[in-house]
């Protein structure tokens, strides 16, 4: 049996690479829209900057905040509760 902190650490370390690599490819794919020029570039730039910023925020939330919130919620439910890791 593992504590909520150990479970959050295990889950975060197992999913970190997949989450970051997927998000990074999307973020890099948005760069041409962020730096768009020419006819209609302002609308492409607006969409590109929004999607780029959203994905950066998503990576931060997904990798840092979610495991922390898991620990917080589990800690509030029962401080001595243990979860079973597969």
N, C-alpha and C. Protein backbone atom coordinates (compact mmCIF):
# COMPACT_ATOMS: atom_id res chain seq x y z
N UNK A 1 0.84 -1.17 0.00
CA UNK A 1 0.00 0.00 0.00
C UNK A 1 0.89 1.24 0.00
N UNK A 2 0.44 2.25 -0.74
CA UNK A 2 1.20 3.48 -0.83
C UNK A 2 0.34 4.66 -0.36
N UNK A 3 1.00 5.68 0.09
CA UNK A 3 0.28 6.88 0.51
C UNK A 3 -0.15 7.66 -0.73
N UNK A 4 -1.00 8.65 -0.52
CA UNK A 4 -1.47 9.49 -1.63
C UNK A 4 -0.31 10.23 -2.29
N UNK A 5 0.67 10.61 -1.50
CA UNK A 5 1.83 11.33 -2.05
C UNK A 5 2.64 10.41 -2.96
N UNK A 6 2.86 9.18 -2.53
CA UNK A 6 3.59 8.23 -3.37
C UNK A 6 2.82 7.92 -4.64
N UNK A 7 1.49 7.79 -4.53
CA UNK A 7 0.67 7.52 -5.71
C UNK A 7 0.72 8.68 -6.69
N UNK A 8 0.67 9.92 -6.20
CA UNK A 8 0.75 11.09 -7.07
C UNK A 8 2.12 11.18 -7.75
N UNK A 9 3.18 10.90 -7.00
CA UNK A 9 4.52 10.92 -7.59
C UNK A 9 4.66 9.86 -8.67
N UNK A 10 4.14 8.68 -8.41
CA UNK A 10 4.23 7.59 -9.38
C UNK A 10 3.45 7.93 -10.64
N UNK A 11 2.23 8.42 -10.47
CA UNK A 11 1.41 8.78 -11.63
C UNK A 11 2.02 9.91 -12.43
N UNK A 12 2.54 10.91 -11.74
CA UNK A 12 3.14 12.06 -12.44
C UNK A 12 4.38 11.64 -13.21
N UNK A 13 5.20 10.79 -12.62
CA UNK A 13 6.43 10.38 -13.32
C UNK A 13 6.14 9.48 -14.51
N UNK A 14 5.09 8.67 -14.42
CA UNK A 14 4.74 7.78 -15.54
C UNK A 14 4.13 8.54 -16.70
N UNK A 15 3.37 9.59 -16.43
CA UNK A 15 2.67 10.32 -17.48
C UNK A 15 3.41 11.54 -17.98
N UNK A 16 4.47 11.96 -17.30
CA UNK A 16 5.15 13.21 -17.64
C UNK A 16 5.64 13.23 -19.09
N UNK A 17 6.35 12.23 -19.51
CA UNK A 17 6.93 12.21 -20.85
C UNK A 17 5.85 12.25 -21.92
N UNK A 18 4.80 11.45 -21.77
CA UNK A 18 3.75 11.42 -22.77
C UNK A 18 3.01 12.76 -22.87
N UNK A 19 2.71 13.35 -21.74
CA UNK A 19 2.00 14.63 -21.74
C UNK A 19 2.87 15.72 -22.35
N UNK A 20 4.12 15.80 -21.94
CA UNK A 20 4.99 16.87 -22.42
C UNK A 20 5.30 16.70 -23.91
N UNK A 21 5.56 15.49 -24.36
CA UNK A 21 5.89 15.29 -25.77
C UNK A 21 4.70 15.60 -26.67
N UNK A 22 3.51 15.19 -26.27
CA UNK A 22 2.32 15.48 -27.06
C UNK A 22 2.06 16.98 -27.11
N UNK A 23 2.13 17.63 -25.97
CA UNK A 23 1.89 19.07 -25.92
C UNK A 23 2.98 19.83 -26.67
N UNK A 24 4.21 19.39 -26.56
CA UNK A 24 5.31 20.08 -27.23
C UNK A 24 5.16 20.03 -28.74
N UNK A 25 4.73 18.91 -29.28
CA UNK A 25 4.54 18.84 -30.73
C UNK A 25 3.43 19.79 -31.17
N UNK A 26 2.37 19.89 -30.40
CA UNK A 26 1.30 20.82 -30.75
C UNK A 26 1.77 22.26 -30.63
N UNK A 27 2.52 22.56 -29.57
CA UNK A 27 3.03 23.92 -29.37
C UNK A 27 3.96 24.32 -30.51
N UNK A 28 4.85 23.43 -30.90
CA UNK A 28 5.75 23.72 -32.02
C UNK A 28 4.99 23.84 -33.33
N UNK A 29 3.91 23.09 -33.47
CA UNK A 29 3.07 23.21 -34.66
C UNK A 29 2.34 24.53 -34.75
N UNK A 30 2.15 25.19 -33.64
CA UNK A 30 1.47 26.49 -33.61
C UNK A 30 2.40 27.65 -33.95
N UNK A 31 3.71 27.43 -33.89
CA UNK A 31 4.64 28.53 -34.12
C UNK A 31 4.48 29.23 -35.47
N UNK A 32 4.22 28.53 -36.58
CA UNK A 32 3.99 29.26 -37.83
C UNK A 32 2.79 30.20 -37.77
N UNK A 33 1.76 29.83 -37.01
CA UNK A 33 0.61 30.72 -36.87
C UNK A 33 0.94 31.91 -35.96
N UNK A 34 1.77 31.69 -34.96
CA UNK A 34 2.14 32.79 -34.06
C UNK A 34 2.95 33.84 -34.81
N UNK A 35 3.81 33.41 -35.70
CA UNK A 35 4.67 34.33 -36.45
C UNK A 35 4.17 34.55 -37.88
N UNK A 36 2.87 34.43 -38.11
CA UNK A 36 2.30 34.57 -39.45
C UNK A 36 2.50 35.99 -39.98
N UNK A 37 2.64 36.09 -41.29
CA UNK A 37 2.72 37.39 -41.94
C UNK A 37 1.98 37.31 -43.27
N UNK A 38 1.66 38.44 -43.82
CA UNK A 38 0.97 38.47 -45.10
C UNK A 38 -0.53 38.68 -44.93
N UNK A 39 -1.26 38.38 -46.01
CA UNK A 39 -2.71 38.60 -46.02
C UNK A 39 -3.39 37.70 -45.00
N UNK A 40 -4.23 38.30 -44.17
CA UNK A 40 -4.97 37.54 -43.16
C UNK A 40 -4.14 37.10 -41.98
N UNK A 41 -2.96 37.67 -41.83
CA UNK A 41 -2.07 37.21 -40.76
C UNK A 41 -2.55 37.58 -39.37
N UNK A 42 -3.28 38.66 -39.24
CA UNK A 42 -3.73 39.07 -37.91
C UNK A 42 -4.69 38.05 -37.31
N UNK A 43 -5.58 37.49 -38.11
CA UNK A 43 -6.50 36.48 -37.57
C UNK A 43 -5.76 35.18 -37.26
N UNK A 44 -4.82 34.80 -38.12
CA UNK A 44 -4.03 33.60 -37.85
C UNK A 44 -3.17 33.79 -36.62
N UNK A 45 -2.61 34.97 -36.46
CA UNK A 45 -1.78 35.26 -35.30
C UNK A 45 -2.60 35.20 -34.01
N UNK A 46 -3.80 35.74 -34.05
CA UNK A 46 -4.66 35.72 -32.85
C UNK A 46 -5.00 34.29 -32.45
N UNK A 47 -5.33 33.46 -33.41
CA UNK A 47 -5.64 32.05 -33.12
C UNK A 47 -4.37 31.33 -32.64
N UNK A 48 -3.25 31.58 -33.29
CA UNK A 48 -2.00 30.92 -32.94
C UNK A 48 -1.52 31.27 -31.54
N UNK A 49 -1.59 32.54 -31.18
CA UNK A 49 -1.14 32.96 -29.85
C UNK A 49 -2.06 32.38 -28.78
N UNK A 50 -3.36 32.36 -29.05
CA UNK A 50 -4.30 31.80 -28.08
C UNK A 50 -4.07 30.31 -27.88
N UNK A 51 -3.94 29.56 -28.95
CA UNK A 51 -3.71 28.12 -28.84
C UNK A 51 -2.35 27.82 -28.21
N UNK A 52 -1.34 28.57 -28.59
CA UNK A 52 0.01 28.40 -28.04
C UNK A 52 0.00 28.64 -26.52
N UNK A 53 -0.58 29.75 -26.10
CA UNK A 53 -0.63 30.08 -24.67
C UNK A 53 -1.46 29.07 -23.89
N UNK A 54 -2.56 28.64 -24.47
CA UNK A 54 -3.40 27.64 -23.81
C UNK A 54 -2.70 26.32 -23.60
N UNK A 55 -1.93 25.89 -24.58
CA UNK A 55 -1.21 24.63 -24.44
C UNK A 55 -0.06 24.75 -23.44
N UNK A 56 0.60 25.87 -23.40
CA UNK A 56 1.66 26.07 -22.40
C UNK A 56 1.04 26.02 -21.00
N UNK A 57 -0.09 26.70 -20.82
CA UNK A 57 -0.78 26.67 -19.53
C UNK A 57 -1.25 25.26 -19.20
N UNK A 58 -1.72 24.54 -20.18
CA UNK A 58 -2.19 23.17 -19.99
C UNK A 58 -1.06 22.25 -19.53
N UNK A 59 0.11 22.41 -20.08
CA UNK A 59 1.26 21.59 -19.68
C UNK A 59 1.62 21.87 -18.22
N UNK A 60 1.63 23.14 -17.86
CA UNK A 60 1.95 23.49 -16.47
C UNK A 60 0.91 22.92 -15.52
N UNK A 61 -0.36 23.09 -15.85
CA UNK A 61 -1.44 22.58 -14.99
C UNK A 61 -1.39 21.05 -14.93
N UNK A 62 -1.22 20.43 -16.08
CA UNK A 62 -1.24 18.97 -16.14
C UNK A 62 -0.08 18.30 -15.44
N UNK A 63 1.07 18.94 -15.44
CA UNK A 63 2.24 18.30 -14.84
C UNK A 63 2.50 18.70 -13.40
N UNK A 64 2.07 19.88 -13.02
CA UNK A 64 2.37 20.35 -11.66
C UNK A 64 1.13 20.40 -10.77
N UNK A 65 0.07 20.98 -11.28
CA UNK A 65 -1.09 21.24 -10.43
C UNK A 65 -1.94 20.00 -10.17
N UNK A 66 -2.12 19.15 -11.17
CA UNK A 66 -2.99 17.98 -11.00
C UNK A 66 -2.48 17.03 -9.91
N UNK A 67 -1.20 16.63 -9.91
CA UNK A 67 -0.75 15.77 -8.80
C UNK A 67 -0.88 16.44 -7.43
N UNK A 68 -0.62 17.73 -7.39
CA UNK A 68 -0.77 18.45 -6.13
C UNK A 68 -2.21 18.48 -5.65
N UNK A 69 -3.13 18.68 -6.57
CA UNK A 69 -4.55 18.66 -6.20
C UNK A 69 -5.00 17.27 -5.77
N UNK A 70 -4.44 16.24 -6.38
CA UNK A 70 -4.76 14.87 -5.98
C UNK A 70 -4.36 14.64 -4.53
N UNK A 71 -3.17 15.09 -4.17
CA UNK A 71 -2.70 14.94 -2.79
C UNK A 71 -3.59 15.72 -1.83
N UNK A 72 -3.96 16.93 -2.24
CA UNK A 72 -4.82 17.76 -1.40
C UNK A 72 -6.18 17.12 -1.17
N UNK A 73 -6.79 16.62 -2.24
CA UNK A 73 -8.12 15.99 -2.10
C UNK A 73 -8.04 14.72 -1.27
N UNK A 74 -7.06 13.89 -1.54
CA UNK A 74 -6.91 12.66 -0.75
C UNK A 74 -6.61 12.98 0.71
N UNK A 75 -5.82 14.00 0.94
CA UNK A 75 -5.49 14.39 2.30
C UNK A 75 -6.69 14.89 3.07
N UNK A 76 -7.59 15.58 2.38
CA UNK A 76 -8.79 16.08 3.03
C UNK A 76 -9.79 14.96 3.32
N UNK A 77 -9.81 13.94 2.47
CA UNK A 77 -10.75 12.83 2.69
C UNK A 77 -10.38 12.05 3.94
N UNK A 78 -9.12 11.70 4.03
CA UNK A 78 -8.67 10.93 5.17
C UNK A 78 -7.15 11.02 5.25
N UNK A 79 -6.64 11.59 6.26
CA UNK A 79 -5.21 11.81 6.37
C UNK A 79 -4.39 10.52 6.44
N UNK A 80 -4.98 9.45 6.92
CA UNK A 80 -4.23 8.21 7.04
C UNK A 80 -4.57 7.22 5.92
N UNK A 81 -5.38 7.64 4.98
CA UNK A 81 -5.80 6.74 3.91
C UNK A 81 -4.62 6.34 3.04
N UNK A 82 -4.57 5.08 2.68
CA UNK A 82 -3.56 4.59 1.77
C UNK A 82 -4.24 4.09 0.52
N UNK A 83 -3.63 4.29 -0.63
CA UNK A 83 -4.17 3.82 -1.90
C UNK A 83 -3.29 2.69 -2.41
N UNK A 84 -3.88 1.80 -3.16
CA UNK A 84 -3.14 0.66 -3.67
C UNK A 84 -2.63 0.96 -5.07
N UNK A 85 -1.34 0.85 -5.27
CA UNK A 85 -0.74 1.06 -6.59
C UNK A 85 -0.77 -0.27 -7.35
N UNK A 86 -0.99 -0.18 -8.66
CA UNK A 86 -0.99 -1.43 -9.45
C UNK A 86 0.37 -2.07 -9.53
